[in-house]
């Protein structure tokens, strides 16, 4: 009898495993970043695709080539019409994307956010960096490099992006009263690398006493040559600590710029993990399985002391 019970349990376990595999087969989970063709989101896409192969599902990574909140909403509505089995969204604007998330939920499509959150929407959970914590790490690095304080400026993407605003809030929370922000800061580049580099050039010309720049995303550093040319005249100041540059993200071009003395510190977000974790969570939600309220993918602080490790 004991052997029979064990045999029955084994058969049941195999049956449940096969049923779960059958449920997952043919499912399509879509990830919609703020924009496609972006070095940071390319890492998210790779994680999405690798996890999809492992889980036996399809990763549909799609969006607009520009950070356009209206176009992002249109893309998501098309995905809802096509009947995808789950959605992971990095909102350009948390408020404007909330109705679209509600529309997906009304159709029975589970929705999560990644990278950028929309906490007041009906999304199930957020996958990504604790952006306030990451910003605070950037602020601590800033203060450590500039203990005497001074004038600083912030470059950001879109002014309505919740994740970027959280990073800025965290950054400022770590500063001492010895720091003063340039009038007009934060300066939005609208996720455009060329625009971000132009902002840096303008800042350095108009503020010769500028001591530091915090960049809430890696936009100006995605093109090694353009960034290094823009800062050639201040290269020695950056290496000596007279001018401090702390930026979010750790794509290869940024790591090389840091190693070559064009930046002080980088805050890494682990985008690959955002892709893998999003696929795993969407599969669980589609199967009505329990999920956590937040999936924190963690933060890395990269300086000249450990940059070689990250370049490997």
Protein backbone atom coordinates (compact mmCIF):
# COMPACT_ATOMS: atom_id res chain seq x y z
CA UNK A 1 0.00 0.00 0.00
CA UNK A 2 2.83 2.39 0.88
CA UNK A 3 4.46 1.80 -2.52
CA UNK A 4 1.14 2.37 -4.24
CA UNK A 5 0.64 5.69 -2.45
CA UNK A 6 4.14 6.81 -3.39
CA UNK A 7 3.53 5.81 -7.00
CA UNK A 8 0.24 7.70 -7.06
CA UNK A 9 1.92 10.80 -5.59
CA UNK A 10 4.66 10.63 -8.21
CA UNK A 11 2.13 10.35 -11.03
CA UNK A 12 0.20 13.32 -9.59
CA UNK A 13 3.37 15.42 -9.38
CA UNK A 14 4.25 14.66 -12.99
CA UNK A 15 0.69 15.43 -14.07
CA UNK A 16 0.74 18.79 -12.30
CA UNK A 17 4.12 19.61 -13.84
CA UNK A 18 2.86 18.75 -17.32
CA UNK A 19 -0.31 20.80 -16.75
CA UNK A 20 1.76 23.79 -15.69
CA UNK A 21 3.96 23.44 -18.77
CA UNK A 22 0.88 23.18 -20.98
CA UNK A 23 -0.59 26.30 -19.36
CA UNK A 24 2.61 28.23 -20.07
CA UNK A 25 2.96 26.97 -23.65
CA UNK A 26 1.90 29.49 -26.23
CA UNK A 27 1.66 32.39 -23.80
CA UNK A 28 2.98 35.78 -24.88
CA UNK A 29 4.15 38.34 -22.36
CA UNK A 30 4.89 41.83 -23.66
CA UNK A 31 7.40 44.30 -22.24
CA UNK A 32 6.96 47.97 -23.19
CA UNK A 33 9.93 50.18 -22.22
CA UNK A 34 9.95 53.97 -22.32
CA UNK A 35 11.56 53.68 -25.74
CA UNK A 36 13.26 51.01 -27.85
CA UNK A 37 16.73 51.13 -29.39
CA UNK A 38 18.16 52.29 -26.05
CA UNK A 39 21.34 50.69 -24.55
CA UNK A 40 19.79 50.27 -21.11
CA UNK A 41 16.62 48.65 -22.42
CA UNK A 42 18.65 46.39 -24.71
CA UNK A 43 19.88 44.67 -21.53
CA UNK A 44 16.29 44.37 -20.27
CA UNK A 45 15.28 42.79 -23.59
CA UNK A 46 18.09 40.25 -23.37
CA UNK A 47 16.93 39.23 -19.89
CA UNK A 48 13.35 39.00 -21.15
CA UNK A 49 14.30 36.74 -24.06
CA UNK A 50 16.56 34.47 -21.99
CA UNK A 51 13.89 34.01 -19.32
CA UNK A 52 11.19 33.38 -21.93
CA UNK A 53 13.21 30.50 -23.42
CA UNK A 54 13.70 29.00 -19.99
CA UNK A 55 10.01 29.34 -19.07
CA UNK A 56 8.65 28.17 -22.43
CA UNK A 57 6.83 31.43 -23.23
CA UNK A 58 7.25 34.24 -25.75
CA UNK A 59 8.83 37.60 -24.92
CA UNK A 60 7.42 40.42 -27.05
CA UNK A 61 9.62 43.47 -26.49
CA UNK A 62 8.06 46.43 -28.25
CA UNK A 63 7.51 50.18 -28.04
CA UNK A 64 8.22 53.54 -29.61
CA UNK A 65 11.67 54.76 -30.75
CA UNK A 66 11.00 58.00 -28.85
CA UNK A 67 10.02 58.56 -25.21
CA UNK A 68 6.47 59.58 -26.12
CA UNK A 69 3.76 58.95 -23.52
CA UNK A 70 0.90 59.13 -26.05
CA UNK A 71 2.61 56.68 -28.41
CA UNK A 72 3.40 54.37 -25.51
CA UNK A 73 -0.29 54.30 -24.56
CA UNK A 74 -1.22 53.52 -28.19
CA UNK A 75 1.25 50.61 -28.30
CA UNK A 76 -0.19 49.16 -25.09
CA UNK A 77 -3.79 49.48 -26.32
CA UNK A 78 -2.79 47.55 -29.46
CA UNK A 79 -1.30 44.81 -27.27
CA UNK A 80 -4.52 44.66 -25.24
CA UNK A 81 -6.51 44.26 -28.47
CA UNK A 82 -4.18 41.47 -29.62
CA UNK A 83 -4.81 39.70 -26.32
CA UNK A 84 -1.33 39.24 -24.88
CA UNK A 85 -1.21 37.17 -21.70
CA UNK A 86 0.58 39.76 -19.58
CA UNK A 87 2.16 43.21 -19.73
CA UNK A 88 5.25 44.76 -18.16
CA UNK A 89 5.43 48.53 -18.67
CA UNK A 90 8.05 51.21 -17.93
CA UNK A 91 5.76 54.29 -17.89
CA UNK A 92 6.95 57.56 -19.37
CA UNK A 93 4.23 59.27 -17.34
CA UNK A 94 2.73 57.44 -14.36
CA UNK A 95 -0.51 59.42 -14.36
CA UNK A 96 -1.26 59.18 -18.09
CA UNK A 97 -0.59 55.44 -18.26
CA UNK A 98 -2.96 54.57 -15.39
CA UNK A 99 -6.14 54.42 -17.57
CA UNK A 100 -4.42 52.09 -20.02
CA UNK A 101 -3.35 49.79 -17.20
CA UNK A 102 -6.95 49.79 -15.95
CA UNK A 103 -8.14 48.85 -19.46
CA UNK A 104 -5.75 45.88 -19.54
CA UNK A 105 -6.87 44.69 -16.13
CA UNK A 106 -10.53 44.93 -17.22
CA UNK A 107 -9.66 42.49 -20.02
CA UNK A 108 -8.12 40.09 -17.53
CA UNK A 109 -4.53 40.87 -18.56
CA UNK A 110 -2.12 41.09 -15.60
CA UNK A 111 0.05 44.22 -15.63
CA UNK A 112 3.26 45.00 -13.79
CA UNK A 113 5.62 47.96 -14.05
CA UNK A 114 9.40 47.79 -14.36
CA UNK A 115 12.18 50.40 -14.18
CA UNK A 116 9.62 53.21 -13.78
CA UNK A 117 6.60 52.72 -11.52
CA UNK A 118 2.99 53.89 -11.53
CA UNK A 119 2.08 53.19 -7.88
CA UNK A 120 -1.35 54.84 -8.04
CA UNK A 121 -2.44 52.68 -10.98
CA UNK A 122 -3.95 49.18 -10.91
CA UNK A 123 -0.65 47.48 -11.73
CA UNK A 124 0.00 44.32 -9.72
CA UNK A 125 3.55 45.13 -8.63
CA UNK A 126 6.82 46.87 -9.51
CA UNK A 127 10.03 45.17 -10.68
CA UNK A 128 13.19 47.24 -10.52
CA UNK A 129 15.52 49.41 -8.53
CA UNK A 130 14.45 51.19 -5.39
CA UNK A 131 15.01 54.52 -7.09
CA UNK A 132 14.97 56.61 -3.92
CA UNK A 133 17.63 54.36 -2.43
CA UNK A 134 19.67 54.43 -5.63
CA UNK A 135 19.48 58.22 -5.78
CA UNK A 136 20.60 58.40 -2.16
CA UNK A 137 23.61 56.23 -2.98
CA UNK A 138 24.45 58.72 -5.72
CA UNK A 139 24.09 61.57 -3.24
CA UNK A 140 26.41 59.88 -0.77
CA UNK A 141 29.02 59.42 -3.49
CA UNK A 142 28.58 63.09 -4.40
CA UNK A 143 29.12 64.26 -0.81
CA UNK A 144 32.06 61.90 -0.39
CA UNK A 145 33.77 63.41 -3.42
CA UNK A 146 32.79 67.00 -2.54
CA UNK A 147 32.79 67.21 1.28
CA UNK A 148 33.12 70.99 1.09
CA UNK A 149 29.91 71.25 -0.96
CA UNK A 150 29.37 73.72 -3.78
CA UNK A 151 27.18 74.48 -6.76
CA UNK A 152 25.65 71.52 -8.58
CA UNK A 153 23.18 70.77 -11.37
CA UNK A 154 20.93 67.84 -12.23
CA UNK A 155 20.23 66.47 -15.70
CA UNK A 156 17.15 64.28 -16.07
CA UNK A 157 15.05 62.70 -18.81
CA UNK A 158 11.36 63.58 -18.75
CA UNK A 159 10.11 65.75 -15.91
CA UNK A 160 7.02 63.55 -15.46
CA UNK A 161 8.91 60.24 -15.11
CA UNK A 162 8.27 58.89 -11.60
CA UNK A 163 11.45 56.82 -11.43
CA UNK A 164 13.65 59.76 -12.36
CA UNK A 165 11.93 62.04 -9.85
CA UNK A 166 12.42 59.41 -7.15
CA UNK A 167 16.13 59.26 -7.97
CA UNK A 168 16.41 63.02 -7.74
CA UNK A 169 14.55 63.06 -4.41
CA UNK A 170 16.87 60.36 -3.03
CA UNK A 171 19.94 62.21 -4.30
CA UNK A 172 18.93 65.49 -2.69
CA UNK A 173 18.11 63.77 0.60
CA UNK A 174 21.76 62.77 0.97
CA UNK A 175 23.21 66.24 0.34
CA UNK A 176 24.36 68.60 3.08
CA UNK A 177 23.35 72.28 3.41
CA UNK A 178 26.73 73.16 1.86
CA UNK A 179 25.34 72.34 -1.60
CA UNK A 180 23.36 74.79 -3.76
CA UNK A 181 21.46 73.88 -6.92
CA UNK A 182 21.82 75.85 -10.15
CA UNK A 183 18.75 77.87 -11.10
CA UNK A 184 16.57 75.96 -13.57
CA UNK A 185 17.81 72.54 -12.46
CA UNK A 186 16.82 69.76 -13.07
CA UNK A 187 17.33 70.16 -16.82
CA UNK A 188 15.30 67.69 -18.96
CA UNK A 189 16.93 66.08 -22.00
CA UNK A 190 13.80 64.06 -22.89
CA UNK A 191 15.93 60.89 -23.03
CA UNK A 192 17.94 62.33 -25.93
CA UNK A 193 21.71 61.74 -25.72
CA UNK A 194 22.67 64.67 -27.93
CA UNK A 195 20.45 67.01 -25.98
CA UNK A 196 21.98 65.82 -22.69
CA UNK A 197 25.51 66.51 -23.95
CA UNK A 198 24.46 69.99 -25.08
CA UNK A 199 23.05 70.67 -21.61
CA UNK A 200 26.39 69.70 -20.05
CA UNK A 201 28.29 71.99 -22.40
CA UNK A 202 25.95 74.89 -21.65
CA UNK A 203 26.18 74.31 -17.90
CA UNK A 204 29.98 74.39 -17.90
CA UNK A 205 30.07 77.60 -19.94
CA UNK A 206 27.42 79.44 -17.93
CA UNK A 207 28.60 78.20 -14.52
CA UNK A 208 32.42 78.26 -14.34
CA UNK A 209 32.15 77.66 -10.58
CA UNK A 210 30.08 74.47 -11.01
CA UNK A 211 31.37 71.71 -8.72
CA UNK A 212 29.25 68.76 -9.74
CA UNK A 213 26.61 67.22 -12.01
CA UNK A 214 24.17 64.44 -11.11
CA UNK A 215 22.61 62.64 -14.09
CA UNK A 216 19.47 60.62 -13.31
CA UNK A 217 20.04 58.38 -16.36
CA UNK A 218 22.97 57.54 -18.58
CA UNK A 219 21.90 59.45 -21.73
CA UNK A 220 24.96 61.69 -22.37
CA UNK A 221 27.35 58.82 -21.62
CA UNK A 222 25.98 56.31 -24.12
CA UNK A 223 28.30 57.75 -26.80
CA UNK A 224 31.87 57.56 -25.52
CA UNK A 225 33.44 59.88 -28.08
CA UNK A 226 30.81 62.62 -27.84
CA UNK A 227 30.88 62.68 -24.04
CA UNK A 228 34.67 62.65 -23.76
CA UNK A 229 34.97 65.46 -26.33
CA UNK A 230 32.44 67.56 -24.44
CA UNK A 231 34.49 67.22 -21.25
CA UNK A 232 38.02 67.30 -22.67
CA UNK A 233 38.79 70.70 -21.15
CA UNK A 234 37.63 69.50 -17.69
CA UNK A 235 39.13 66.02 -17.81
CA UNK A 236 41.91 66.83 -15.32
CA UNK A 237 39.37 68.46 -12.98
CA UNK A 238 37.24 65.31 -12.97
CA UNK A 239 40.24 63.08 -12.26
CA UNK A 240 41.41 65.35 -9.44
CA UNK A 241 37.95 65.71 -7.89
CA UNK A 242 37.50 69.41 -8.66
CA UNK A 243 34.48 68.52 -10.83
CA UNK A 244 32.30 65.59 -9.77
CA UNK A 245 30.06 63.65 -12.15
CA UNK A 246 27.76 60.95 -10.80
CA UNK A 247 25.38 59.20 -13.17
CA UNK A 248 22.81 56.43 -13.12
CA UNK A 249 23.34 53.31 -15.27
CA UNK A 250 26.36 51.14 -16.04
CA UNK A 251 26.30 50.32 -19.75
CA UNK A 252 29.69 49.53 -21.29
CA UNK A 253 30.38 53.02 -22.66
CA UNK A 254 29.76 54.50 -19.20
CA UNK A 255 32.06 52.01 -17.52
CA UNK A 256 34.82 52.87 -20.00
CA UNK A 257 34.31 56.60 -19.41
CA UNK A 258 34.56 56.03 -15.66
CA UNK A 259 37.72 53.97 -16.04
CA UNK A 260 39.24 56.67 -18.25
CA UNK A 261 38.54 59.42 -15.72
CA UNK A 262 35.47 61.10 -17.23
CA UNK A 263 33.16 60.31 -14.30
CA UNK A 264 33.33 59.94 -10.52
CA UNK A 265 30.76 57.22 -9.84
CA UNK A 266 27.94 55.27 -11.50
CA UNK A 267 24.75 53.81 -10.03
CA UNK A 268 23.92 50.46 -11.63
CA UNK A 269 20.35 49.14 -11.85
CA UNK A 270 20.80 45.55 -13.12
CA UNK A 271 18.55 45.86 -16.20
CA UNK A 272 19.07 42.22 -17.22
CA UNK A 273 17.44 41.16 -13.94
CA UNK A 274 14.47 43.43 -14.69
CA UNK A 275 13.86 41.41 -17.84
CA UNK A 276 14.20 37.98 -16.26
CA UNK A 277 12.20 38.84 -13.15
CA UNK A 278 9.39 40.46 -15.18
CA UNK A 279 8.92 37.30 -17.25
CA UNK A 280 8.91 35.12 -14.16
CA UNK A 281 6.36 37.32 -12.37
CA UNK A 282 4.04 37.57 -15.40
CA UNK A 283 4.05 33.78 -15.75
CA UNK A 284 3.12 33.41 -12.07
CA UNK A 285 0.36 36.02 -12.37
CA UNK A 286 -1.06 34.27 -15.44
CA UNK A 287 -1.21 31.08 -13.38
CA UNK A 288 -2.87 32.88 -10.42
CA UNK A 289 0.17 32.11 -8.27
CA UNK A 290 1.20 34.25 -5.30
CA UNK A 291 3.68 37.07 -6.00
CA UNK A 292 5.44 39.64 -3.79
CA UNK A 293 4.36 43.29 -3.69
CA UNK A 294 7.74 44.50 -4.99
CA UNK A 295 10.70 42.82 -6.68
CA UNK A 296 13.79 44.88 -5.86
CA UNK A 297 16.53 44.12 -8.39
CA UNK A 298 19.14 45.98 -6.34
CA UNK A 299 21.70 48.73 -6.85
CA UNK A 300 25.42 48.72 -7.66
CA UNK A 301 27.79 51.60 -6.83
CA UNK A 302 30.66 51.62 -9.32
CA UNK A 303 33.80 53.74 -8.84
CA UNK A 304 37.37 53.63 -10.14
CA UNK A 305 38.08 51.09 -7.38
CA UNK A 306 35.78 48.39 -8.78
CA UNK A 307 35.08 49.40 -12.39
CA UNK A 308 37.30 46.65 -13.82
CA UNK A 309 35.10 44.03 -12.18
CA UNK A 310 32.05 45.40 -13.95
CA UNK A 311 33.84 45.74 -17.29
CA UNK A 312 34.56 41.99 -17.15
